[in-house]
Amino acid sequence: LSFLDNNLPENCWLIATARVHKVRNFVY
């Protein structure tokens, strides 16, 4: 989760489905 939140490379986009928002940075 820390990797997804803070260290995801700039050329990578993340789409997550969840009941909860465990990723908080750079989230739409």
PDB file of all heavy atoms in Angstrom:
ATOM      1  N   LEU A   1       0.830  -1.205   0.000  1.00  0.00           N
ATOM      2  CA  LEU A   1       0.000   0.000   0.000  1.00  0.00           C
ATOM      3  C   LEU A   1       0.867   1.258   0.000  1.00  0.00           C
ATOM      4  O   LEU A   1       0.551   2.248  -0.660  1.00  0.00           O
ATOM      5  CB  LEU A   1      -0.930  -0.006   1.216  1.00  0.00           C
ATOM      6  CG  LEU A   1      -2.048  -1.055   1.185  1.00  0.00           C
ATOM      7  CD1 LEU A   1      -2.755  -1.112   2.519  1.00  0.00           C
ATOM      8  CD2 LEU A   1      -3.048  -0.726   0.080  1.00  0.00           C
ATOM      9  N   SER A   2       1.972   1.214   0.748  1.00  0.00           N
ATOM     10  CA  SER A   2       2.880   2.359   0.771  1.00  0.00           C
ATOM     11  C   SER A   2       3.491   2.591  -0.604  1.00  0.00           C
ATOM     12  O   SER A   2       3.655   3.744  -1.041  1.00  0.00           O
ATOM     13  CB  SER A   2       3.978   2.123   1.811  1.00  0.00           C
ATOM     14  OG  SER A   2       4.898   3.187   1.808  1.00  0.00           O
ATOM     15  N   PHE A   3       3.806   1.500  -1.306  1.00  0.00           N
ATOM     16  CA  PHE A   3       4.349   1.625  -2.655  1.00  0.00           C
ATOM     17  C   PHE A   3       3.322   2.269  -3.586  1.00  0.00           C
ATOM     18  O   PHE A   3       3.629   3.197  -4.343  1.00  0.00           O
ATOM     19  CB  PHE A   3       4.751   0.250  -3.185  1.00  0.00           C
ATOM     20  CG  PHE A   3       5.139   0.258  -4.647  1.00  0.00           C
ATOM     21  CD1 PHE A   3       6.383   0.700  -5.050  1.00  0.00           C
ATOM     22  CD2 PHE A   3       4.228  -0.154  -5.615  1.00  0.00           C
ATOM     23  CE1 PHE A   3       6.724   0.723  -6.392  1.00  0.00           C
ATOM     24  CE2 PHE A   3       4.559  -0.132  -6.951  1.00  0.00           C
ATOM     25  CZ  PHE A   3       5.825   0.309  -7.350  1.00  0.00           C
ATOM     26  N   LEU A   4       2.092   1.780  -3.540  1.00  0.00           N
ATOM     27  CA  LEU A   4       1.042   2.340  -4.398  1.00  0.00           C
ATOM     28  C   LEU A   4       0.775   3.797  -4.068  1.00  0.00           C
ATOM     29  O   LEU A   4       0.460   4.609  -4.952  1.00  0.00           O
ATOM     30  CB  LEU A   4      -0.245   1.520  -4.238  1.00  0.00           C
ATOM     31  CG  LEU A   4      -0.196   0.062  -4.704  1.00  0.00           C
ATOM     32  CD1 LEU A   4      -1.520  -0.631  -4.399  1.00  0.00           C
ATOM     33  CD2 LEU A   4       0.103  -0.038  -6.194  1.00  0.00           C
ATOM     34  N   ASP A   5       0.922   4.124  -2.795  1.00  0.00           N
ATOM     35  CA  ASP A   5       0.576   5.473  -2.346  1.00  0.00           C
ATOM     36  C   ASP A   5       1.688   6.486  -2.620  1.00  0.00           C
ATOM     37  O   ASP A   5       1.419   7.647  -2.940  1.00  0.00           O
ATOM     38  CB  ASP A   5       0.283   5.435  -0.842  1.00  0.00           C
ATOM     39  CG  ASP A   5      -0.770   6.443  -0.426  1.00  0.00           C
ATOM     40  OD1 ASP A   5      -1.529   6.892  -1.305  1.00  0.00           O
ATOM     41  OD2 ASP A   5      -0.840   6.778   0.753  1.00  0.00           O
ATOM     42  N   ASN A   6       2.938   6.051  -2.494  1.00  0.00           N
ATOM     43  CA  ASN A   6       4.048   7.010  -2.510  1.00  0.00           C
ATOM     44  C   ASN A   6       5.111   6.775  -3.578  1.00  0.00           C
ATOM     45  O   ASN A   6       5.849   7.712  -3.920  1.00  0.00           O
ATOM     46  CB  ASN A   6       4.739   7.011  -1.135  1.00  0.00           C
ATOM     47  CG  ASN A   6       3.791   7.346  -0.009  1.00  0.00           C
ATOM     48  OD1 ASN A   6       3.109   8.355  -0.066  1.00  0.00           O
ATOM     49  ND2 ASN A   6       3.744   6.505   1.017  1.00  0.00           N
ATOM     50  N   ASN A   7       5.238   5.549  -4.071  1.00  0.00           N
ATOM     51  CA  ASN A   7       6.370   5.234  -4.942  1.00  0.00           C
ATOM     52  C   ASN A   7       5.969   4.738  -6.329  1.00  0.00           C
ATOM     53  O   ASN A   7       6.822   4.219  -7.060  1.00  0.00           O
ATOM     54  CB  ASN A   7       7.266   4.171  -4.270  1.00  0.00           C
ATOM     55  CG  ASN A   7       7.752   4.619  -2.907  1.00  0.00           C
ATOM     56  OD1 ASN A   7       7.342   4.071  -1.892  1.00  0.00           O
ATOM     57  ND2 ASN A   7       8.611   5.625  -2.879  1.00  0.00           N
ATOM     58  N   LEU A   8       4.722   4.880  -6.685  1.00  0.00           N
ATOM     59  CA  LEU A   8       4.289   4.437  -8.002  1.00  0.00           C
ATOM     60  C   LEU A   8       4.968   5.300  -9.066  1.00  0.00           C
ATOM     61  O   LEU A   8       4.951   6.527  -8.980  1.00  0.00           O
ATOM     62  CB  LEU A   8       2.762   4.552  -8.116  1.00  0.00           C
ATOM     63  CG  LEU A   8       2.073   3.693  -9.177  1.00  0.00           C
ATOM     64  CD1 LEU A   8       2.259   2.210  -8.875  1.00  0.00           C
ATOM     65  CD2 LEU A   8       0.598   4.036  -9.248  1.00  0.00           C
ATOM     66  N   PRO A   9       5.605   4.689 -10.076  1.00  0.00           N
ATOM     67  CA  PRO A   9       6.284   5.481 -11.114  1.00  0.00           C
ATOM     68  C   PRO A   9       5.340   6.443 -11.817  1.00  0.00           C
ATOM     69  O   PRO A   9       4.135   6.184 -11.932  1.00  0.00           O
ATOM     70  CB  PRO A   9       6.809   4.409 -12.083  1.00  0.00           C
ATOM     71  CG  PRO A   9       6.917   3.175 -11.255  1.00  0.00           C
ATOM     72  CD  PRO A   9       5.780   3.233 -10.277  1.00  0.00           C
ATOM     73  N   GLU A  10       5.887   7.539 -12.293  1.00  0.00           N
ATOM     74  CA  GLU A  10       5.068   8.569 -12.920  1.00  0.00           C
ATOM     75  C   GLU A  10       4.404   8.090 -14.201  1.00  0.00           C
ATOM     76  O   GLU A  10       3.373   8.638 -14.609  1.00  0.00           O
ATOM     77  CB  GLU A  10       5.916   9.804 -13.221  1.00  0.00           C
ATOM     78  CG  GLU A  10       6.418  10.509 -11.971  1.00  0.00           C
ATOM     79  CD  GLU A  10       7.195  11.762 -12.309  1.00  0.00           C
ATOM     80  OE1 GLU A  10       7.353  12.038 -13.519  1.00  0.00           O
ATOM     81  OE2 GLU A  10       7.643  12.462 -11.378  1.00  0.00           O
ATOM     82  N   ASN A  11       4.982   7.087 -14.856  1.00  0.00           N
ATOM     83  CA  ASN A  11       4.383   6.614 -16.112  1.00  0.00           C
ATOM     84  C   ASN A  11       3.341   5.530 -15.866  1.00  0.00           C
ATOM     85  O   ASN A  11       2.871   4.892 -16.798  1.00  0.00           O
ATOM     86  CB  ASN A  11       5.479   6.063 -17.044  1.00  0.00           C
ATOM     87  CG  ASN A  11       6.174   4.841 -16.454  1.00  0.00           C
ATOM     88  OD1 ASN A  11       6.209   4.669 -15.244  1.00  0.00           O
ATOM     89  ND2 ASN A  11       6.716   3.995 -17.325  1.00  0.00           N
ATOM     90  N   CYS A  12       2.972   5.327 -14.597  1.00  0.00           N
ATOM     91  CA  CYS A  12       2.002   4.281 -14.264  1.00  0.00           C
ATOM     92  C   CYS A  12       0.727   4.909 -13.718  1.00  0.00           C
ATOM     93  O   CYS A  12       0.766   5.763 -12.825  1.00  0.00           O
ATOM     94  CB  CYS A  12       2.604   3.323 -13.233  1.00  0.00           C
ATOM     95  SG  CYS A  12       1.520   1.940 -12.832  1.00  0.00           S
ATOM     96  N   TRP A  13      -0.389   4.480 -14.265  1.00  0.00           N
ATOM     97  CA  TRP A  13      -1.703   4.905 -13.792  1.00  0.00           C
ATOM     98  C   TRP A  13      -2.345   3.733 -13.061  1.00  0.00           C
ATOM     99  O   TRP A  13      -2.193   2.584 -13.454  1.00  0.00           O
ATOM    100  CB  TRP A  13      -2.589   5.344 -14.961  1.00  0.00           C
ATOM    101  CG  TRP A  13      -2.184   6.667 -15.531  1.00  0.00           C
ATOM    102  CD1 TRP A  13      -1.106   6.935 -16.315  1.00  0.00           C
ATOM    103  CD2 TRP A  13      -2.849   7.910 -15.343  1.00  0.00           C
ATOM    104  NE1 TRP A  13      -1.039   8.259 -16.640  1.00  0.00           N
ATOM    105  CE2 TRP A  13      -2.107   8.888 -16.051  1.00  0.00           C
ATOM    106  CE3 TRP A  13      -3.990   8.295 -14.665  1.00  0.00           C
ATOM    107  CZ2 TRP A  13      -2.477  10.223 -16.085  1.00  0.00           C
ATOM    108  CZ3 TRP A  13      -4.363   9.627 -14.687  1.00  0.00           C
ATOM    109  CH2 TRP A  13      -3.618  10.583 -15.396  1.00  0.00           C
ATOM    110  N   LEU A  14      -3.086   4.063 -12.027  1.00  0.00           N
ATOM    111  CA  LEU A  14      -3.705   3.027 -11.195  1.00  0.00           C
ATOM    112  C   LEU A  14      -5.215   3.218 -11.185  1.00  0.00           C
ATOM    113  O   LEU A  14      -5.719   4.319 -10.950  1.00  0.00           O
ATOM    114  CB  LEU A  14      -3.168   3.119  -9.760  1.00  0.00           C
ATOM    115  CG  LEU A  14      -3.832   2.213  -8.714  1.00  0.00           C
ATOM    116  CD1 LEU A  14      -3.510   0.749  -9.003  1.00  0.00           C
ATOM    117  CD2 LEU A  14      -3.368   2.590  -7.308  1.00  0.00           C
ATOM    118  N   ILE A  15      -5.924   2.141 -11.466  1.00  0.00           N
ATOM    119  CA  ILE A  15      -7.378   2.129 -11.307  1.00  0.00           C
ATOM    120  C   ILE A  15      -7.706   1.056 -10.278  1.00  0.00           C
ATOM    121  O   ILE A  15      -7.346  -0.112 -10.450  1.00  0.00           O
ATOM    122  CB  ILE A  15      -8.102   1.830 -12.635  1.00  0.00           C
ATOM    123  CG1 ILE A  15      -7.866   2.964 -13.630  1.00  0.00           C
ATOM    124  CG2 ILE A  15      -9.588   1.640 -12.389  1.00  0.00           C
ATOM    125  CD1 ILE A  15      -8.547   2.753 -14.963  1.00  0.00           C
ATOM    126  N   ALA A  16      -8.353   1.464  -9.202  1.00  0.00           N
ATOM    127  CA  ALA A  16      -8.667   0.529  -8.125  1.00  0.00           C
ATOM    128  C   ALA A  16     -10.165   0.529  -7.854  1.00  0.00           C
ATOM    129  O   ALA A  16     -10.820   1.572  -7.912  1.00  0.00           O
ATOM    130  CB  ALA A  16      -7.913   0.920  -6.849  1.00  0.00           C
ATOM    131  N   THR A  17     -10.694  -0.651  -7.596  1.00  0.00           N
ATOM    132  CA  THR A  17     -12.075  -0.774  -7.145  1.00  0.00           C
ATOM    133  C   THR A  17     -12.030  -1.207  -5.688  1.00  0.00           C
ATOM    134  O   THR A  17     -11.241  -2.077  -5.317  1.00  0.00           O
ATOM    135  CB  THR A  17     -12.858  -1.805  -7.973  1.00  0.00           C
ATOM    136  OG1 THR A  17     -12.280  -3.104  -7.777  1.00  0.00           O
ATOM    137  CG2 THR A  17     -12.830  -1.446  -9.434  1.00  0.00           C
ATOM    138  N   ALA A  18     -12.856  -0.591  -4.863  1.00  0.00           N
ATOM    139  CA  ALA A  18     -12.772  -0.898  -3.439  1.00  0.00           C
ATOM    140  C   ALA A  18     -13.967  -0.321  -2.706  1.00  0.00           C
ATOM    141  O   ALA A  18     -14.597   0.633  -3.159  1.00  0.00           O
ATOM    142  CB  ALA A  18     -11.486  -0.332  -2.845  1.00  0.00           C
ATOM    143  N   ARG A  19     -14.252  -0.934  -1.583  1.00  0.00           N
ATOM    144  CA  ARG A  19     -15.213  -0.333  -0.669  1.00  0.00           C
ATOM    145  C   ARG A  19     -14.547   0.744   0.169  1.00  0.00           C
ATOM    146  O   ARG A  19     -15.214   1.555   0.781  1.00  0.00           O
ATOM    147  CB  ARG A  19     -15.785  -1.408   0.276  1.00  0.00           C
ATOM    148  CG  ARG A  19     -16.764  -2.370  -0.373  1.00  0.00           C
ATOM    149  CD  ARG A  19     -17.477  -3.145   0.700  1.00  0.00           C
ATOM    150  NE  ARG A  19     -18.491  -4.026   0.153  1.00  0.00           N
ATOM    151  CZ  ARG A  19     -19.441  -4.601   0.867  1.00  0.00           C
ATOM    152  NH1 ARG A  19     -19.483  -4.391   2.158  1.00  0.00           N
ATOM    153  NH2 ARG A  19     -20.321  -5.396   0.316  1.00  0.00           N
ATOM    154  N   VAL A  20     -13.236   0.706   0.244  1.00  0.00           N
ATOM    155  CA  VAL A  20     -12.499   1.657   1.070  1.00  0.00           C
ATOM    156  C   VAL A  20     -11.367   2.253   0.248  1.00  0.00           C
ATOM    157  O   VAL A  20     -10.867   1.624  -0.677  1.00  0.00           O
ATOM    158  CB  VAL A  20     -11.929   0.980   2.336  1.00  0.00           C
ATOM    159  CG1 VAL A  20     -13.032   0.414   3.191  1.00  0.00           C
ATOM    160  CG2 VAL A  20     -10.952  -0.125   1.975  1.00  0.00           C
ATOM    161  N   HIS A  21     -10.969   3.495   0.588  1.00  0.00           N
ATOM    162  CA  HIS A  21      -9.926   4.171  -0.198  1.00  0.00           C
ATOM    163  C   HIS A  21      -8.586   4.055   0.513  1.00  0.00           C
ATOM    164  O   HIS A  21      -8.104   4.980   1.149  1.00  0.00           O
ATOM    165  CB  HIS A  21     -10.298   5.632  -0.443  1.00  0.00           C
ATOM    166  CG  HIS A  21     -10.684   6.372   0.798  1.00  0.00           C
ATOM    167  ND1 HIS A  21      -9.785   7.095   1.546  1.00  0.00           N
ATOM    168  CD2 HIS A  21     -11.868   6.486   1.432  1.00  0.00           C
ATOM    169  CE1 HIS A  21     -10.395   7.646   2.562  1.00  0.00           C
ATOM    170  NE2 HIS A  21     -11.664   7.292   2.530  1.00  0.00           N
ATOM    171  N   LYS A  22      -7.952   2.906   0.391  1.00  0.00           N
ATOM    172  CA  LYS A  22      -6.679   2.693   1.078  1.00  0.00           C
ATOM    173  C   LYS A  22      -5.520   3.445   0.420  1.00  0.00           C
ATOM    174  O   LYS A  22      -4.464   3.573   1.016  1.00  0.00           O
ATOM    175  CB  LYS A  22      -6.363   1.193   1.134  1.00  0.00           C
ATOM    176  CG  LYS A  22      -7.183   0.444   2.188  1.00  0.00           C
ATOM    177  CD  LYS A  22      -6.615  -0.938   2.440  1.00  0.00           C
ATOM    178  CE  LYS A  22      -7.313  -1.599   3.611  1.00  0.00           C
ATOM    179  NZ  LYS A  22      -6.688  -2.895   3.955  1.00  0.00           N
ATOM    180  N   VAL A  23      -5.684   3.877  -0.793  1.00  0.00           N
ATOM    181  CA  VAL A  23      -4.670   4.717  -1.440  1.00  0.00           C
ATOM    182  C   VAL A  23      -5.173   6.149  -1.387  1.00  0.00           C
ATOM    183  O   VAL A  23      -6.265   6.444  -1.856  1.00  0.00           O
ATOM    184  CB  VAL A  23      -4.441   4.275  -2.902  1.00  0.00           C
ATOM    185  CG1 VAL A  23      -3.463   5.212  -3.575  1.00  0.00           C
ATOM    186  CG2 VAL A  23      -3.908   2.851  -2.933  1.00  0.00           C
ATOM    187  N   ARG A  24      -4.342   7.033  -0.823  1.00  0.00           N
ATOM    188  CA  ARG A  24      -4.843   8.384  -0.559  1.00  0.00           C
ATOM    189  C   ARG A  24      -4.158   9.463  -1.385  1.00  0.00           C
ATOM    190  O   ARG A  24      -4.706  10.530  -1.588  1.00  0.00           O
ATOM    191  CB  ARG A  24      -4.686   8.706   0.933  1.00  0.00           C
ATOM    192  CG  ARG A  24      -5.579   7.840   1.820  1.00  0.00           C
ATOM    193  CD  ARG A  24      -5.461   8.246   3.264  1.00  0.00           C
ATOM    194  NE  ARG A  24      -4.172   7.900   3.818  1.00  0.00           N
ATOM    195  CZ  ARG A  24      -3.805   8.157   5.072  1.00  0.00           C
ATOM    196  NH1 ARG A  24      -4.630   8.784   5.864  1.00  0.00           N
ATOM    197  NH2 ARG A  24      -2.615   7.804   5.523  1.00  0.00           N
ATOM    198  N   ASN A  25      -2.939   9.241  -1.838  1.00  0.00           N
ATOM    199  CA  ASN A  25      -2.220  10.281  -2.576  1.00  0.00           C
ATOM    200  C   ASN A  25      -2.579  10.250  -4.064  1.00  0.00           C
ATOM    201  O   ASN A  25      -2.718   9.188  -4.662  1.00  0.00           O
ATOM    202  CB  ASN A  25      -0.710  10.109  -2.416  1.00  0.00           C
ATOM    203  CG  ASN A  25      -0.261  10.462  -1.009  1.00  0.00           C
ATOM    204  OD1 ASN A  25      -0.915  11.228  -0.318  1.00  0.00           O
ATOM    205  ND2 ASN A  25       0.854   9.895  -0.586  1.00  0.00           N
ATOM    206  N   PHE A  26      -2.677  11.434  -4.655  1.00  0.00           N
ATOM    207  CA  PHE A  26      -2.926  11.559  -6.097  1.00  0.00           C
ATOM    208  C   PHE A  26      -4.152  10.746  -6.529  1.00  0.00           C
ATOM    209  O   PHE A  26      -4.131  10.031  -7.520  1.00  0.00           O
ATOM    210  CB  PHE A  26      -1.691  11.102  -6.890  1.00  0.00           C
ATOM    211  CG  PHE A  26      -0.413  11.691  -6.391  1.00  0.00           C
ATOM    212  CD1 PHE A  26       0.497  10.924  -5.681  1.00  0.00           C
ATOM    213  CD2 PHE A  26      -0.135  13.031  -6.607  1.00  0.00           C
ATOM    214  CE1 PHE A  26       1.674  11.476  -5.208  1.00  0.00           C
ATOM    215  CE2 PHE A  26       1.039  13.593  -6.133  1.00  0.00           C
ATOM    216  CZ  PHE A  26       1.945  12.818  -5.435  1.00  0.00           C
ATOM    217  N   VAL A  27      -5.218  10.867  -5.740  1.00  0.00           N
ATOM    218  CA  VAL A  27      -6.403  10.048  -6.002  1.00  0.00           C
ATOM    219  C   VAL A  27      -7.517  10.926  -6.561  1.00  0.00           C
ATOM    220  O   VAL A  27      -7.770  12.020  -6.059  1.00  0.00           O
ATOM    221  CB  VAL A  27      -6.888   9.363  -4.703  1.00  0.00           C
ATOM    222  CG1 VAL A  27      -8.254   8.731  -4.912  1.00  0.00           C
ATOM    223  CG2 VAL A  27      -5.897   8.290  -4.292  1.00  0.00           C
ATOM    224  N   TYR A  28      -8.148  10.418  -7.606  1.00  0.00           N
ATOM    225  CA  TYR A  28      -9.395  11.015  -8.089  1.00  0.00           C
ATOM    226  C   TYR A  28     -10.498  10.002  -7.807  1.00  0.00           C
ATOM    227  O   TYR A  28     -10.640   9.010  -8.520  1.00  0.00           O
ATOM    228  CB  TYR A  28      -9.337  11.324  -9.584  1.00  0.00           C
ATOM    229  CG  TYR A  28     -10.651  11.861 -10.117  1.00  0.00           C
ATOM    230  CD1 TYR A  28     -11.022  13.190  -9.909  1.00  0.00           C
ATOM    231  CD2 TYR A  28     -11.534  11.035 -10.793  1.00  0.00           C
ATOM    232  CE1 TYR A  28     -12.221  13.679 -10.370  1.00  0.00           C
ATOM    233  CE2 TYR A  28     -12.744  11.517 -11.251  1.00  0.00           C
ATOM    234  CZ  TYR A  28     -13.082  12.841 -11.041  1.00  0.00           C
ATOM    235  OH  TYR A  28     -14.288  13.321 -11.492  1.00  0.00           O
TER     236      TYR A  28
END
